[in-house]
Amino acid sequence: MKKTLILLMAVMMSFSVFTQNAVAAEKGRGGAMGFIAGCCFGIRSGAAYNDGKEVHWREWVMLVPFVGFVFAVINGVDGYQGVTTADLAEQYGSTYY
């Protein structure tokens, strides 16, 4: 009985994963890059990528050892100074924000 229940749960989970991938593929975003954006940069970046925005170079730099820590501090200072998404969109363009 336990094996049947586990198999049923595994089948249901696989259907839910495949269905989500099919829905994301219809929009043109999601998939592996959507996974990387969400996994490495957080849910906000993953959702923004799926909405059509690109991952900013300051987020990619965060993956580099030691250099990422420096940019994490710079990002923290920007947050402390009250930089908003509108400010970043004005500086870097609407492709990213």
PDB file of N, CA and C in Angstrom:
ATOM      1  N   MET A   1       0.814  -1.189   0.000  1.00  0.00           N
ATOM      2  CA  MET A   1       0.000   0.000   0.000  1.00  0.00           C
ATOM      3  C   MET A   1       0.866   1.265   0.000  1.00  0.00           C
ATOM      4  N   LYS A   2       1.952   1.245   0.803  1.00  0.00           N
ATOM      5  CA  LYS A   2       2.824   2.404   0.881  1.00  0.00           C
ATOM      6  C   LYS A   2       3.509   2.660  -0.459  1.00  0.00           C
ATOM      7  N   LYS A   3       3.918   1.593  -1.128  1.00  0.00           N
ATOM      8  CA  LYS A   3       4.585   1.746  -2.429  1.00  0.00           C
ATOM      9  C   LYS A   3       3.634   2.354  -3.458  1.00  0.00           C
ATOM     10  N   THR A   4       2.398   1.931  -3.434  1.00  0.00           N
ATOM     11  CA  THR A   4       1.409   2.460  -4.361  1.00  0.00           C
ATOM     12  C   THR A   4       1.157   3.940  -4.092  1.00  0.00           C
ATOM     13  N   LEU A   5       1.067   4.308  -2.837  1.00  0.00           N
ATOM     14  CA  LEU A   5       0.847   5.701  -2.463  1.00  0.00           C
ATOM     15  C   LEU A   5       2.034   6.572  -2.872  1.00  0.00           C
ATOM     16  N   ILE A   6       3.243   6.059  -2.645  1.00  0.00           N
ATOM     17  CA  ILE A   6       4.442   6.808  -3.036  1.00  0.00           C
ATOM     18  C   ILE A   6       4.515   6.953  -4.545  1.00  0.00           C
ATOM     19  N   LEU A   7       4.204   5.895  -5.282  1.00  0.00           N
ATOM     20  CA  LEU A   7       4.202   5.961  -6.740  1.00  0.00           C
ATOM     21  C   LEU A   7       3.160   6.950  -7.248  1.00  0.00           C
ATOM     22  N   LEU A   8       1.976   6.942  -6.636  1.00  0.00           N
ATOM     23  CA  LEU A   8       0.928   7.880  -7.025  1.00  0.00           C
ATOM     24  C   LEU A   8       1.358   9.322  -6.776  1.00  0.00           C
ATOM     25  N   MET A   9       1.994   9.575  -5.629  1.00  0.00           N
ATOM     26  CA  MET A   9       2.473  10.919  -5.326  1.00  0.00           C
ATOM     27  C   MET A   9       3.563  11.350  -6.304  1.00  0.00           C
ATOM     28  N   ALA A  10       4.460  10.439  -6.667  1.00  0.00           N
ATOM     29  CA  ALA A  10       5.522  10.761  -7.619  1.00  0.00           C
ATOM     30  C   ALA A  10       4.953  11.090  -8.993  1.00  0.00           C
ATOM     31  N   VAL A  11       3.937  10.351  -9.422  1.00  0.00           N
ATOM     32  CA  VAL A  11       3.304  10.616 -10.715  1.00  0.00           C
ATOM     33  C   VAL A  11       2.599  11.963 -10.701  1.00  0.00           C
ATOM     34  N   MET A  12       1.916  12.282  -9.609  1.00  0.00           N
ATOM     35  CA  MET A  12       1.221  13.563  -9.518  1.00  0.00           C
ATOM     36  C   MET A  12       2.214  14.725  -9.522  1.00  0.00           C
ATOM     37  N   MET A  13       3.330  14.568  -8.819  1.00  0.00           N
ATOM     38  CA  MET A  13       4.335  15.625  -8.808  1.00  0.00           C
ATOM     39  C   MET A  13       4.955  15.814 -10.182  1.00  0.00           C
ATOM     40  N   SER A  14       5.217  14.717 -10.889  1.00  0.00           N
ATOM     41  CA  SER A  14       5.810  14.854 -12.217  1.00  0.00           C
ATOM     42  C   SER A  14       4.842  15.526 -13.182  1.00  0.00           C
ATOM     43  N   PHE A  15       3.551  15.228 -13.074  1.00  0.00           N
ATOM     44  CA  PHE A  15       2.581  15.913 -13.928  1.00  0.00           C
ATOM     45  C   PHE A  15       2.529  17.402 -13.625  1.00  0.00           C
ATOM     46  N   SER A  16       2.627  17.760 -12.362  1.00  0.00           N
ATOM     47  CA  SER A  16       2.582  19.181 -12.022  1.00  0.00           C
ATOM     48  C   SER A  16       3.820  19.904 -12.537  1.00  0.00           C
ATOM     49  N   VAL A  17       4.979  19.261 -12.498  1.00  0.00           N
ATOM     50  CA  VAL A  17       6.209  19.882 -13.011  1.00  0.00           C
ATOM     51  C   VAL A  17       6.119  20.043 -14.519  1.00  0.00           C
ATOM     52  N   PHE A  18       5.687  19.004 -15.232  1.00  0.00           N
ATOM     53  CA  PHE A  18       5.597  19.092 -16.685  1.00  0.00           C
ATOM     54  C   PHE A  18       4.562  20.110 -17.130  1.00  0.00           C
ATOM     55  N   THR A  19       3.465  20.223 -16.392  1.00  0.00           N
ATOM     56  CA  THR A  19       2.433  21.195 -16.732  1.00  0.00           C
ATOM     57  C   THR A  19       2.950  22.614 -16.560  1.00  0.00           C
ATOM     58  N   GLN A  20       3.690  22.874 -15.493  1.00  0.00           N
ATOM     59  CA  GLN A  20       4.242  24.203 -15.265  1.00  0.00           C
ATOM     60  C   GLN A  20       5.241  24.563 -16.351  1.00  0.00           C
ATOM     61  N   ASN A  21       6.072  23.611 -16.771  1.00  0.00           N
ATOM     62  CA  ASN A  21       7.030  23.889 -17.836  1.00  0.00           C
ATOM     63  C   ASN A  21       6.323  24.196 -19.149  1.00  0.00           C
ATOM     64  N   ALA A  22       5.231  23.512 -19.424  1.00  0.00           N
ATOM     65  CA  ALA A  22       4.497  23.766 -20.655  1.00  0.00           C
ATOM     66  C   ALA A  22       3.867  25.149 -20.636  1.00  0.00           C
ATOM     67  N   VAL A  23       3.347  25.568 -19.497  1.00  0.00           N
ATOM     68  CA  VAL A  23       2.750  26.897 -19.385  1.00  0.00           C
ATOM     69  C   VAL A  23       3.822  27.964 -19.540  1.00  0.00           C
ATOM     70  N   ALA A  24       4.988  27.772 -18.923  1.00  0.00           N
ATOM     71  CA  ALA A  24       6.073  28.742 -19.040  1.00  0.00           C
ATOM     72  C   ALA A  24       6.602  28.793 -20.464  1.00  0.00           C
ATOM     73  N   ALA A  25       6.637  27.660 -21.145  1.00  0.00           N
ATOM     74  CA  ALA A  25       7.128  27.642 -22.513  1.00  0.00           C
ATOM     75  C   ALA A  25       6.199  28.398 -23.456  1.00  0.00           C
ATOM     76  N   GLU A  26       4.896  28.386 -23.171  1.00  0.00           N
ATOM     77  CA  GLU A  26       3.954  29.125 -24.007  1.00  0.00           C
ATOM     78  C   GLU A  26       4.200  30.623 -23.922  1.00  0.00           C
ATOM     79  N   LYS A  27       4.618  31.111 -22.773  1.00  0.00           N
ATOM     80  CA  LYS A  27       4.885  32.527 -22.594  1.00  0.00           C
ATOM     81  C   LYS A  27       6.221  32.934 -23.204  1.00  0.00           C
ATOM     82  N   GLY A  28       7.085  31.973 -23.473  1.00  0.00           N
ATOM     83  CA  GLY A  28       8.390  32.281 -24.039  1.00  0.00           C
ATOM     84  C   GLY A  28       9.465  32.465 -22.992  1.00  0.00           C
ATOM     85  N   ARG A  29       9.139  32.406 -21.744  1.00  0.00           N
ATOM     86  CA  ARG A  29      10.106  32.526 -20.653  1.00  0.00           C
ATOM     87  C   ARG A  29       9.964  31.315 -19.752  1.00  0.00           C
ATOM     88  N   GLY A  30      10.746  31.298 -18.703  1.00  0.00           N
ATOM     89  CA  GLY A  30      10.730  30.178 -17.781  1.00  0.00           C
ATOM     90  C   GLY A  30      11.791  29.174 -18.176  1.00  0.00           C
ATOM     91  N   GLY A  31      11.556  27.934 -17.946  1.00  0.00           N
ATOM     92  CA  GLY A  31      12.502  26.901 -18.297  1.00  0.00           C
ATOM     93  C   GLY A  31      13.772  26.975 -17.464  1.00  0.00           C
ATOM     94  N   ALA A  32      14.896  26.593 -18.072  1.00  0.00           N
ATOM     95  CA  ALA A  32      16.166  26.530 -17.354  1.00  0.00           C
ATOM     96  C   ALA A  32      16.614  27.913 -16.887  1.00  0.00           C
ATOM     97  N   MET A  33      16.503  28.918 -17.742  1.00  0.00           N
ATOM     98  CA  MET A  33      16.934  30.258 -17.346  1.00  0.00           C
ATOM     99  C   MET A  33      16.033  30.841 -16.269  1.00  0.00           C
ATOM    100  N   GLY A  34      14.763  30.570 -16.330  1.00  0.00           N
ATOM    101  CA  GLY A  34      13.862  30.989 -15.269  1.00  0.00           C
ATOM    102  C   GLY A  34      14.214  30.321 -13.947  1.00  0.00           C
ATOM    103  N   PHE A  35      14.634  29.048 -14.023  1.00  0.00           N
ATOM    104  CA  PHE A  35      15.075  28.336 -12.828  1.00  0.00           C
ATOM    105  C   PHE A  35      16.337  28.962 -12.262  1.00  0.00           C
ATOM    106  N   ILE A  36      17.309  29.261 -13.120  1.00  0.00           N
ATOM    107  CA  ILE A  36      18.566  29.861 -12.652  1.00  0.00           C
ATOM    108  C   ILE A  36      18.298  31.228 -12.028  1.00  0.00           C
ATOM    109  N   ALA A  37      17.485  32.025 -12.675  1.00  0.00           N
ATOM    110  CA  ALA A  37      17.181  33.353 -12.143  1.00  0.00           C
ATOM    111  C   ALA A  37      16.496  33.256 -10.788  1.00  0.00           C
ATOM    112  N   GLY A  38      15.555  32.352 -10.653  1.00  0.00           N
ATOM    113  CA  GLY A  38      14.852  32.208  -9.381  1.00  0.00           C
ATOM    114  C   GLY A  38      15.709  31.579  -8.299  1.00  0.00           C
ATOM    115  N   CYS A  39      16.500  30.589  -8.689  1.00  0.00           N
ATOM    116  CA  CYS A  39      17.313  29.862  -7.715  1.00  0.00           C
ATOM    117  C   CYS A  39      18.501  30.689  -7.228  1.00  0.00           C
ATOM    118  N   CYS A  40      19.201  31.327  -8.146  1.00  0.00           N
ATOM    119  CA  CYS A  40      20.432  32.041  -7.791  1.00  0.00           C
ATOM    120  C   CYS A  40      20.186  33.474  -7.344  1.00  0.00           C
ATOM    121  N   PHE A  41      19.176  34.130  -7.889  1.00  0.00           N
ATOM    122  CA  PHE A  41      18.992  35.554  -7.626  1.00  0.00           C
ATOM    123  C   PHE A  41      17.745  35.868  -6.824  1.00  0.00           C
ATOM    124  N   GLY A  42      16.901  34.876  -6.558  1.00  0.00           N
ATOM    125  CA  GLY A  42      15.719  35.093  -5.735  1.00  0.00           C
ATOM    126  C   GLY A  42      14.434  35.124  -6.544  1.00  0.00           C
ATOM    127  N   ILE A  43      13.339  35.040  -5.841  1.00  0.00           N
ATOM    128  CA  ILE A  43      12.026  34.952  -6.468  1.00  0.00           C
ATOM    129  C   ILE A  43      11.678  36.211  -7.244  1.00  0.00           C
ATOM    130  N   ARG A  44      12.102  37.359  -6.765  1.00  0.00           N
ATOM    131  CA  ARG A  44      11.786  38.607  -7.466  1.00  0.00           C
ATOM    132  C   ARG A  44      12.474  38.651  -8.832  1.00  0.00           C
ATOM    133  N   SER A  45      13.739  38.259  -8.892  1.00  0.00           N
ATOM    134  CA  SER A  45      14.454  38.242 -10.176  1.00  0.00           C
ATOM    135  C   SER A  45      13.900  37.178 -11.108  1.00  0.00           C
ATOM    136  N   GLY A  46      13.547  36.021 -10.547  1.00  0.00           N
ATOM    137  CA  GLY A  46      12.958  34.967 -11.370  1.00  0.00           C
ATOM    138  C   GLY A  46      11.624  35.389 -11.964  1.00  0.00           C
ATOM    139  N   ALA A  47      10.803  36.028 -11.167  1.00  0.00           N
ATOM    140  CA  ALA A  47       9.507  36.493 -11.657  1.00  0.00           C
ATOM    141  C   ALA A  47       9.677  37.628 -12.658  1.00  0.00           C
ATOM    142  N   ALA A  48      10.632  38.517 -12.417  1.00  0.00           N
ATOM    143  CA  ALA A  48      10.880  39.608 -13.361  1.00  0.00           C
ATOM    144  C   ALA A  48      11.400  39.058 -14.681  1.00  0.00           C
ATOM    145  N   TYR A  49      12.249  38.037 -14.629  1.00  0.00           N
ATOM    146  CA  TYR A  49      12.739  37.419 -15.868  1.00  0.00           C
ATOM    147  C   TYR A  49      11.578  36.803 -16.646  1.00  0.00           C
ATOM    148  N   ASN A  50      10.683  36.123 -15.960  1.00  0.00           N
ATOM    149  CA  ASN A  50       9.534  35.515 -16.633  1.00  0.00           C
ATOM    150  C   ASN A  50       8.565  36.560 -17.164  1.00  0.00           C
ATOM    151  N   ASP A  51       8.597  37.771 -16.605  1.00  0.00           N
ATOM    152  CA  ASP A  51       7.764  38.872 -17.116  1.00  0.00           C
ATOM    153  C   ASP A  51       8.386  39.560 -18.326  1.00  0.00           C
ATOM    154  N   GLY A  52       9.611  39.192 -18.689  1.00  0.00           N
ATOM    155  CA  GLY A  52      10.241  39.767 -19.873  1.00  0.00           C
ATOM    156  C   GLY A  52      11.443  40.643 -19.587  1.00  0.00           C
ATOM    157  N   LYS A  53      11.799  40.801 -18.321  1.00  0.00           N
ATOM    158  CA  LYS A  53      12.970  41.599 -17.962  1.00  0.00           C
ATOM    159  C   LYS A  53      14.214  40.724 -18.021  1.00  0.00           C
ATOM    160  N   GLU A  54      15.375  41.345 -18.163  1.00  0.00           N
ATOM    161  CA  GLU A  54      16.636  40.609 -18.195  1.00  0.00           C
ATOM    162  C   GLU A  54      17.279  40.629 -16.813  1.00  0.00           C
ATOM    163  N   VAL A  55      18.185  39.692 -16.569  1.00  0.00           N
ATOM    164  CA  VAL A  55      18.931  39.664 -15.319  1.00  0.00           C
ATOM    165  C   VAL A  55      20.063  40.675 -15.440  1.00  0.00           C
ATOM    166  N   HIS A  56      20.142  41.584 -14.490  1.00  0.00           N
ATOM    167  CA  HIS A  56      21.103  42.686 -14.535  1.00  0.00           C
ATOM    168  C   HIS A  56      22.517  42.171 -14.252  1.00  0.00           C
ATOM    169  N   TRP A  57      23.520  42.858 -14.805  1.00  0.00           N
ATOM    170  CA  TRP A  57      24.907  42.423 -14.623  1.00  0.00           C
ATOM    171  C   TRP A  57      25.315  42.466 -13.158  1.00  0.00           C
ATOM    172  N   ARG A  58      24.725  43.359 -12.380  1.00  0.00           N
ATOM    173  CA  ARG A  58      25.062  43.414 -10.951  1.00  0.00           C
ATOM    174  C   ARG A  58      24.574  42.169 -10.218  1.00  0.00           C
ATOM    175  N   GLU A  59      23.560  41.520 -10.740  1.00  0.00           N
ATOM    176  CA  GLU A  59      23.097  40.268 -10.144  1.00  0.00           C
ATOM    177  C   GLU A  59      23.994  39.105 -10.566  1.00  0.00           C
ATOM    178  N   TRP A  60      24.447  39.116 -11.820  1.00  0.00           N
ATOM    179  CA  TRP A  60      25.355  38.058 -12.277  1.00  0.00           C
ATOM    180  C   TRP A  60      26.674  38.098 -11.518  1.00  0.00           C
ATOM    181  N   VAL A  61      27.173  39.286 -11.208  1.00  0.00           N
ATOM    182  CA  VAL A  61      28.451  39.431 -10.511  1.00  0.00           C
ATOM    183  C   VAL A  61      28.372  38.816  -9.112  1.00  0.00           C
ATOM    184  N   MET A  62      27.188  38.754  -8.548  1.00  0.00           N
ATOM    185  CA  MET A  62      27.024  38.200  -7.209  1.00  0.00           C
ATOM    186  C   MET A  62      27.434  36.722  -7.135  1.00  0.00           C
ATOM    187  N   LEU A  63      27.495  36.034  -8.267  1.00  0.00           N
ATOM    188  CA  LEU A  63      27.875  34.622  -8.286  1.00  0.00           C
ATOM    189  C   LEU A  63      29.384  34.418  -8.213  1.00  0.00           C
ATOM    190  N   VAL A  64      30.174  35.456  -8.485  1.00  0.00           N
ATOM    191  CA  VAL A  64      31.633  35.342  -8.488  1.00  0.00           C
ATOM    192  C   VAL A  64      32.134  35.403  -7.045  1.00  0.00           C
ATOM    193  N   PRO A  65      32.938  34.420  -6.620  1.00  0.00           N
ATOM    194  CA  PRO A  65      33.446  34.442  -5.246  1.00  0.00           C
ATOM    195  C   PRO A  65      34.269  35.708  -4.974  1.00  0.00           C
ATOM    196  N   PHE A  66      34.171  36.222  -3.782  1.00  0.00           N
ATOM    197  CA  PHE A  66      34.856  37.413  -3.277  1.00  0.00           C
ATOM    198  C   PHE A  66      34.384  38.695  -3.958  1.00  0.00           C
ATOM    199  N   VAL A  67      34.315  38.727  -5.265  1.00  0.00           N
ATOM    200  CA  VAL A  67      33.820  39.907  -5.978  1.00  0.00           C
ATOM    201  C   VAL A  67      32.338  40.100  -5.664  1.00  0.00           C
ATOM    202  N   GLY A  68      31.606  38.994  -5.560  1.00  0.00           N
ATOM    203  CA  GLY A  68      30.191  39.060  -5.236  1.00  0.00           C
ATOM    204  C   GLY A  68      29.932  39.716  -3.892  1.00  0.00           C
ATOM    205  N   PHE A  69      30.844  39.486  -2.929  1.00  0.00           N
ATOM    206  CA  PHE A  69      30.681  40.103  -1.616  1.00  0.00           C
ATOM    207  C   PHE A  69      30.810  41.620  -1.712  1.00  0.00           C
ATOM    208  N   VAL A  70      31.736  42.089  -2.531  1.00  0.00           N
ATOM    209  CA  VAL A  70      31.922  43.538  -2.711  1.00  0.00           C
ATOM    210  C   VAL A  70      30.655  44.154  -3.302  1.00  0.00           C
ATOM    211  N   PHE A  71      30.089  43.512  -4.316  1.00  0.00           N
ATOM    212  CA  PHE A  71      28.873  44.042  -4.927  1.00  0.00           C
ATOM    213  C   PHE A  71      27.671  43.880  -4.010  1.00  0.00           C
ATOM    214  N   ALA A  72      27.684  42.876  -3.138  1.00  0.00           N
ATOM    215  CA  ALA A  72      26.612  42.756  -2.151  1.00  0.00           C
ATOM    216  C   ALA A  72      26.624  43.952  -1.204  1.00  0.00           C
ATOM    217  N   VAL A  73      27.819  44.393  -0.814  1.00  0.00           N
ATOM    218  CA  VAL A  73      27.926  45.564   0.051  1.00  0.00           C
ATOM    219  C   VAL A  73      27.488  46.815  -0.707  1.00  0.00           C
ATOM    220  N   ILE A  74      27.888  46.934  -1.978  1.00  0.00           N
ATOM    221  CA  ILE A  74      27.472  48.088  -2.796  1.00  0.00           C
ATOM    222  C   ILE A  74      25.949  48.110  -2.940  1.00  0.00           C
ATOM    223  N   ASN A  75      25.349  46.937  -3.183  1.00  0.00           N
ATOM    224  CA  ASN A  75      23.890  46.861  -3.282  1.00  0.00           C
ATOM    225  C   ASN A  75      23.234  47.234  -1.959  1.00  0.00           C
ATOM    226  N   GLY A  76      23.843  46.812  -0.856  1.00  0.00           N
ATOM    227  CA  GLY A  76      23.315  47.179   0.454  1.00  0.00           C
ATOM    228  C   GLY A  76      23.383  48.676   0.698  1.00  0.00           C
ATOM    229  N   VAL A  77      24.481  49.308   0.267  1.00  0.00           N
ATOM    230  CA  VAL A  77      24.617  50.759   0.419  1.00  0.00           C
ATOM    231  C   VAL A  77      23.560  51.474  -0.424  1.00  0.00           C
ATOM    232  N   ASP A  78      23.330  50.969  -1.642  1.00  0.00           N
ATOM    233  CA  ASP A  78      22.277  51.566  -2.480  1.00  0.00           C
ATOM    234  C   ASP A  78      20.915  51.444  -1.811  1.00  0.00           C
ATOM    235  N   GLY A  79      20.639  50.295  -1.202  1.00  0.00           N
ATOM    236  CA  GLY A  79      19.378  50.123  -0.497  1.00  0.00           C
ATOM    237  C   GLY A  79      19.273  51.036   0.708  1.00  0.00           C
ATOM    238  N   TYR A  80      20.377  51.230   1.400  1.00  0.00           N
ATOM    239  CA  TYR A  80      20.403  52.120   2.565  1.00  0.00           C
ATOM    240  C   TYR A  80      20.135  53.562   2.153  1.00  0.00           C
ATOM    241  N   GLN A  81      20.633  53.937   0.971  1.00  0.00           N
ATOM    242  CA  GLN A  81      20.451  55.309   0.487  1.00  0.00           C
ATOM    243  C   GLN A  81      19.069  55.546  -0.095  1.00  0.00           C
ATOM    244  N   GLY A  82      18.254  54.511  -0.203  1.00  0.00           N
ATOM    245  CA  GLY A  82      16.885  54.691  -0.661  1.00  0.00           C
ATOM    246  C   GLY A  82      16.705  54.616  -2.164  1.00  0.00           C
ATOM    247  N   VAL A  83      17.615  53.941  -2.870  1.00  0.00           N
ATOM    248  CA  VAL A  83      17.487  53.792  -4.323  1.00  0.00           C
ATOM    249  C   VAL A  83      16.265  52.928  -4.618  1.00  0.00           C
ATOM    250  N   THR A  84      15.415  53.405  -5.514  1.00  0.00           N
ATOM    251  CA  THR A  84      14.190  52.677  -5.865  1.00  0.00           C
ATOM    252  C   THR A  84      14.340  52.014  -7.224  1.00  0.00           C
ATOM    253  N   THR A  85      13.385  51.181  -7.555  1.00  0.00           N
ATOM    254  CA  THR A  85      13.376  50.528  -8.857  1.00  0.00           C
ATOM    255  C   THR A  85      13.234  51.555  -9.969  1.00  0.00           C
ATOM    256  N   ALA A  86      12.489  52.599  -9.737  1.00  0.00           N
ATOM    257  CA  ALA A  86      12.340  53.659 -10.740  1.00  0.00           C
ATOM    258  C   ALA A  86      13.684  54.349 -10.993  1.00  0.00           C
ATOM    259  N   ASP A  87      14.473  54.550  -9.949  1.00  0.00           N
ATOM    260  CA  ASP A  87      15.800  55.138 -10.121  1.00  0.00           C
ATOM    261  C   ASP A  87      16.696  54.229 -10.956  1.00  0.00           C
ATOM    262  N   LEU A  88      16.644  52.933 -10.681  1.00  0.00           N
ATOM    263  CA  LEU A  88      17.457  51.979 -11.438  1.00  0.00           C
ATOM    264  C   LEU A  88      16.992  51.876 -12.891  1.00  0.00           C
ATOM    265  N   ALA A  89      15.682  51.949 -13.110  1.00  0.00           N
ATOM    266  CA  ALA A  89      15.160  51.914 -14.480  1.00  0.00           C
ATOM    267  C   ALA A  89      15.606  53.143 -15.256  1.00  0.00           C
ATOM    268  N   GLU A  90      15.681  54.283 -14.591  1.00  0.00           N
ATOM    269  CA  GLU A  90      16.151  55.503 -15.243  1.00  0.00           C
ATOM    270  C   GLU A  90      17.647  55.404 -15.564  1.00  0.00           C
ATOM    271  N   GLN A  91      18.405  54.794 -14.667  1.00  0.00           N
ATOM    272  CA  GLN A  91      19.860  54.690 -14.857  1.00  0.00           C
ATOM    273  C   GLN A  91      20.240  53.611 -15.859  1.00  0.00           C
ATOM    274  N   TYR A  92      19.618  52.419 -15.765  1.00  0.00           N
ATOM    275  CA  TYR A  92      20.029  51.284 -16.598  1.00  0.00           C
ATOM    276  C   TYR A  92      19.058  50.981 -17.738  1.00  0.00           C
ATOM    277  N   GLY A  93      17.889  51.551 -17.718  1.00  0.00           N
ATOM    278  CA  GLY A  93      16.910  51.295 -18.754  1.00  0.00           C
ATOM    279  C   GLY A  93      15.818  50.338 -18.308  1.00  0.00           C
ATOM    280  N   SER A  94      14.738  50.318 -19.046  1.00  0.00           N
ATOM    281  CA  SER A  94      13.581  49.509 -18.665  1.00  0.00           C
ATOM    282  C   SER A  94      13.747  48.050 -19.036  1.00  0.00           C
ATOM    283  N   THR A  95      14.842  47.677 -19.677  1.00  0.00           N
ATOM    284  CA  THR A  95      15.071  46.273 -20.011  1.00  0.00           C
ATOM    285  C   THR A  95      15.271  45.438 -18.757  1.00  0.00           C
ATOM    286  N   TYR A  96      15.869  46.056 -17.737  1.00  0.00           N
ATOM    287  CA  TYR A  96      16.185  45.335 -16.521  1.00  0.00           C
ATOM    288  C   TYR A  96      15.189  45.562 -15.399  1.00  0.00           C
ATOM    289  N   TYR A  97      14.585  46.760 -15.347  1.00  0.00           N
ATOM    290  CA  TYR A  97      13.722  47.095 -14.206  1.00  0.00           C
ATOM    291  C   TYR A  97      12.382  47.603 -14.676  1.00  0.00           C
TER     292      TYR A  97
END
